[in-house]
Protein backbone atom coordinates (compact mmCIF):
# COMPACT_ATOMS: atom_id res chain seq x y z
CA MET A 1 -3.01 29.67 -43.56
CA ILE A 2 -1.85 32.47 -41.03
CA SER A 3 -0.85 29.37 -38.85
CA GLN A 4 1.37 27.87 -41.42
CA THR A 5 3.22 31.04 -42.15
CA ALA A 6 3.52 31.40 -38.10
CA GLN A 7 5.09 28.07 -37.85
CA ARG A 8 7.56 28.41 -40.55
CA LEU A 9 8.41 31.62 -38.74
CA VAL A 10 9.01 30.25 -35.49
CA GLN A 11 11.01 27.21 -37.55
CA LEU A 12 13.30 30.09 -39.25
CA ALA A 13 13.78 31.76 -35.69
CA ASN A 14 14.97 28.64 -34.14
CA GLN A 15 17.36 27.41 -37.34
CA LEU A 16 18.70 31.20 -37.12
CA SER A 17 19.32 30.75 -33.41
CA GLU A 18 20.99 27.66 -33.14
CA ALA A 19 23.15 28.73 -36.16
CA LEU A 20 24.22 32.34 -34.11
CA MET A 21 24.77 29.66 -31.17
CA THR A 22 26.68 27.12 -33.10
CA ALA A 23 28.60 30.21 -34.83
CA ALA A 24 29.18 31.54 -31.13
CA ILE A 25 30.17 28.26 -29.51
CA CYS A 26 32.99 28.04 -32.33
CA ALA A 27 34.39 31.46 -31.84
CA GLN A 28 35.02 30.95 -28.68
CA GLU A 29 36.77 27.42 -29.70
CA ILE A 30 38.74 29.74 -32.27
CA ARG A 31 39.29 31.95 -29.14
CA SER A 32 40.54 29.26 -27.12
CA GLU A 33 42.95 27.84 -29.52
CA VAL A 34 44.42 30.86 -30.56
CA GLN A 35 45.09 31.66 -26.87
CA GLU A 36 46.34 28.20 -26.20
CA GLU A 37 48.92 28.72 -28.80
CA LEU A 38 50.02 32.61 -27.89
CA ASP A 39 50.61 30.90 -24.30
CA GLY A 40 52.26 28.64 -25.62
CA ASP A 41 54.52 30.82 -27.64
CA GLU A 42 55.32 32.77 -24.77
CA LEU A 43 56.17 29.93 -22.78
CA ALA A 44 58.64 29.06 -25.45
CA ALA A 45 59.88 32.50 -25.76
CA ALA A 46 60.79 32.81 -22.25
CA ALA A 47 61.96 29.32 -21.59
CA GLY A 48 64.23 30.55 -24.67
CA GLY A 49 63.23 27.67 -27.13
CA SER A 50 61.00 27.54 -29.56
CA SER A 51 57.07 26.44 -29.87
CA ASN A 52 57.15 22.92 -31.32
CA GLY A 53 53.49 22.24 -31.01
CA SER A 54 53.54 19.94 -28.58
CA ALA A 55 50.88 21.76 -25.72
CA LYS A 56 48.34 19.37 -25.15
CA SER A 57 45.48 18.66 -27.67
CA VAL A 58 42.02 19.59 -27.39
CA ALA A 59 39.27 17.70 -28.66
CA LEU A 60 36.99 20.01 -30.41
CA ARG A 61 33.09 19.36 -30.58
CA PRO A 62 31.47 17.49 -33.90
CA LEU A 63 30.91 19.43 -36.38
CA LEU A 64 27.20 18.78 -37.79
CA ASP A 65 25.96 20.54 -41.19
CA GLN A 66 22.42 20.41 -41.10
CA SER A 67 22.41 20.98 -45.03
CA THR A 68 24.17 17.46 -45.50
CA LEU A 69 22.43 16.23 -42.22
CA SER A 70 26.19 14.86 -41.55
CA VAL A 71 28.94 14.52 -38.89
CA THR A 72 32.56 15.46 -39.52
CA TRP A 73 35.02 14.53 -36.76
CA ASN A 74 38.84 14.51 -36.67
CA GLY A 75 39.15 14.95 -40.28
CA ARG A 76 36.21 11.88 -40.82
CA SER A 77 33.12 12.76 -42.52
CA LEU A 78 29.74 10.67 -42.08
CA HIS A 79 26.56 10.58 -43.55
CA LEU A 80 23.85 10.14 -41.02
CA GLY A 81 20.45 11.32 -42.92
CA HIS A 82 17.19 13.06 -41.85
CA THR A 83 17.57 10.43 -38.45
CA ARG A 84 17.03 10.81 -35.19
CA ALA A 85 20.16 9.40 -34.90
CA PHE A 86 21.77 12.51 -36.63
CA TRP A 87 19.19 14.53 -34.18
CA ILE A 88 20.34 13.36 -31.22
CA LEU A 89 23.68 14.04 -31.81
CA GLU A 90 22.74 17.16 -32.86
CA ARG A 91 21.21 17.96 -29.84
CA LEU A 92 23.61 16.61 -26.89
CA SER A 93 26.77 18.90 -29.66
CA ARG A 94 25.01 21.74 -28.87
CA ARG A 95 26.38 21.42 -25.18
CA PRO A 96 28.98 19.12 -25.24
CA ASN A 97 29.78 17.62 -21.25
CA GLN A 98 26.81 18.84 -20.10
CA TYR A 99 23.99 15.84 -19.22
CA VAL A 100 20.61 16.19 -21.29
CA THR A 101 17.85 14.73 -19.50
CA HIS A 102 15.27 11.99 -21.44
CA LEU A 103 12.49 14.87 -21.35
CA ASP A 104 14.81 17.09 -23.09
CA LEU A 105 15.72 14.87 -25.87
CA LEU A 106 11.86 13.54 -26.45
CA ARG A 107 10.82 17.53 -26.82
CA ASP A 108 13.85 18.69 -28.90
CA VAL A 109 14.39 15.19 -31.04
CA TRP A 110 10.85 13.62 -30.95
CA ASP A 111 8.65 17.39 -30.44
CA ASP A 112 7.48 15.93 -27.71
CA GLU A 113 6.20 12.22 -28.85
CA GLU A 114 5.23 10.05 -26.37
CA ALA A 115 8.53 7.64 -26.73
CA PRO A 116 9.31 4.99 -23.92
CA VAL A 117 13.16 5.95 -22.47
CA SER A 118 14.10 2.29 -24.71
CA THR A 119 13.52 4.00 -28.19
CA ILE A 120 16.00 6.94 -26.98
CA ARG A 121 18.31 3.93 -26.14
CA SER A 122 17.84 1.89 -28.82
CA VAL A 123 18.46 5.19 -30.99
CA VAL A 124 21.85 5.84 -29.12
CA ARG A 125 22.81 2.70 -29.60
CA HIS A 126 22.38 2.55 -33.49
CA LEU A 127 24.22 6.07 -33.16
CA ARG A 128 27.19 4.67 -31.96
CA HIS A 129 27.19 1.53 -34.39
CA ARG A 130 27.05 4.05 -37.26
CA LEU A 131 30.25 6.24 -36.15
CA VAL A 132 31.86 3.10 -34.98
CA ALA A 133 31.21 2.10 -38.81
CA GLY A 134 32.00 5.38 -40.16
CA GLY A 135 35.95 5.08 -38.50
CA MET A 136 34.34 7.49 -35.68
CA GLU A 137 35.26 4.93 -33.00
CA GLU A 138 36.43 8.11 -30.05
CA LEU A 139 33.19 10.28 -30.88
CA ALA A 140 30.99 7.12 -30.37
CA ALA A 141 32.27 6.12 -27.13
CA ALA A 142 31.79 9.87 -25.82
CA ILE A 143 28.50 9.36 -26.52
CA ARG A 144 27.38 8.07 -22.47
CA GLY A 145 23.82 7.82 -20.95
CA HIS A 146 23.38 7.19 -17.05
CA ASN A 147 20.20 6.95 -15.79
CA GLY A 148 18.16 8.69 -18.33
CA ARG A 149 20.50 11.34 -18.88
CA TYR A 150 22.97 11.97 -22.31
CA ILE A 151 25.96 13.09 -22.30
CA LEU A 152 28.57 13.75 -25.07
CA ASP A 153 31.82 13.82 -22.88
CA ILE A 154 34.34 15.37 -25.08
């Protein structure tokens, strides 16, 4: 019984840790957006014009909601359910633009199960297909694999 309680506490601590990490990443994105907007306004004021929002738009990482098991990207939402595809996307979204090895995916998504690399490839292929079907072609194309490593390249 103590073991089950300890496991649940570890699980809750991990969820809290990831929620805090997500909050920190979101805060950084907000800070960057505000700074970009302020810089644009300062440049427009220095040039004697007004800011018209023509600054380069920044692709933001997808928002994954663990309570609904869905992803939101560019105003579209897609329910992926409690699937390996959802958890792979969640893992890649934690650190966009950084490669994740297949060993890390096995540890984080499969809980150290002995799954062949072809299984990961198959799930990633299925994830891309689901994203395209949900109108998220750009997000699907941003998931790239190379030599057993995967990246969300946004």
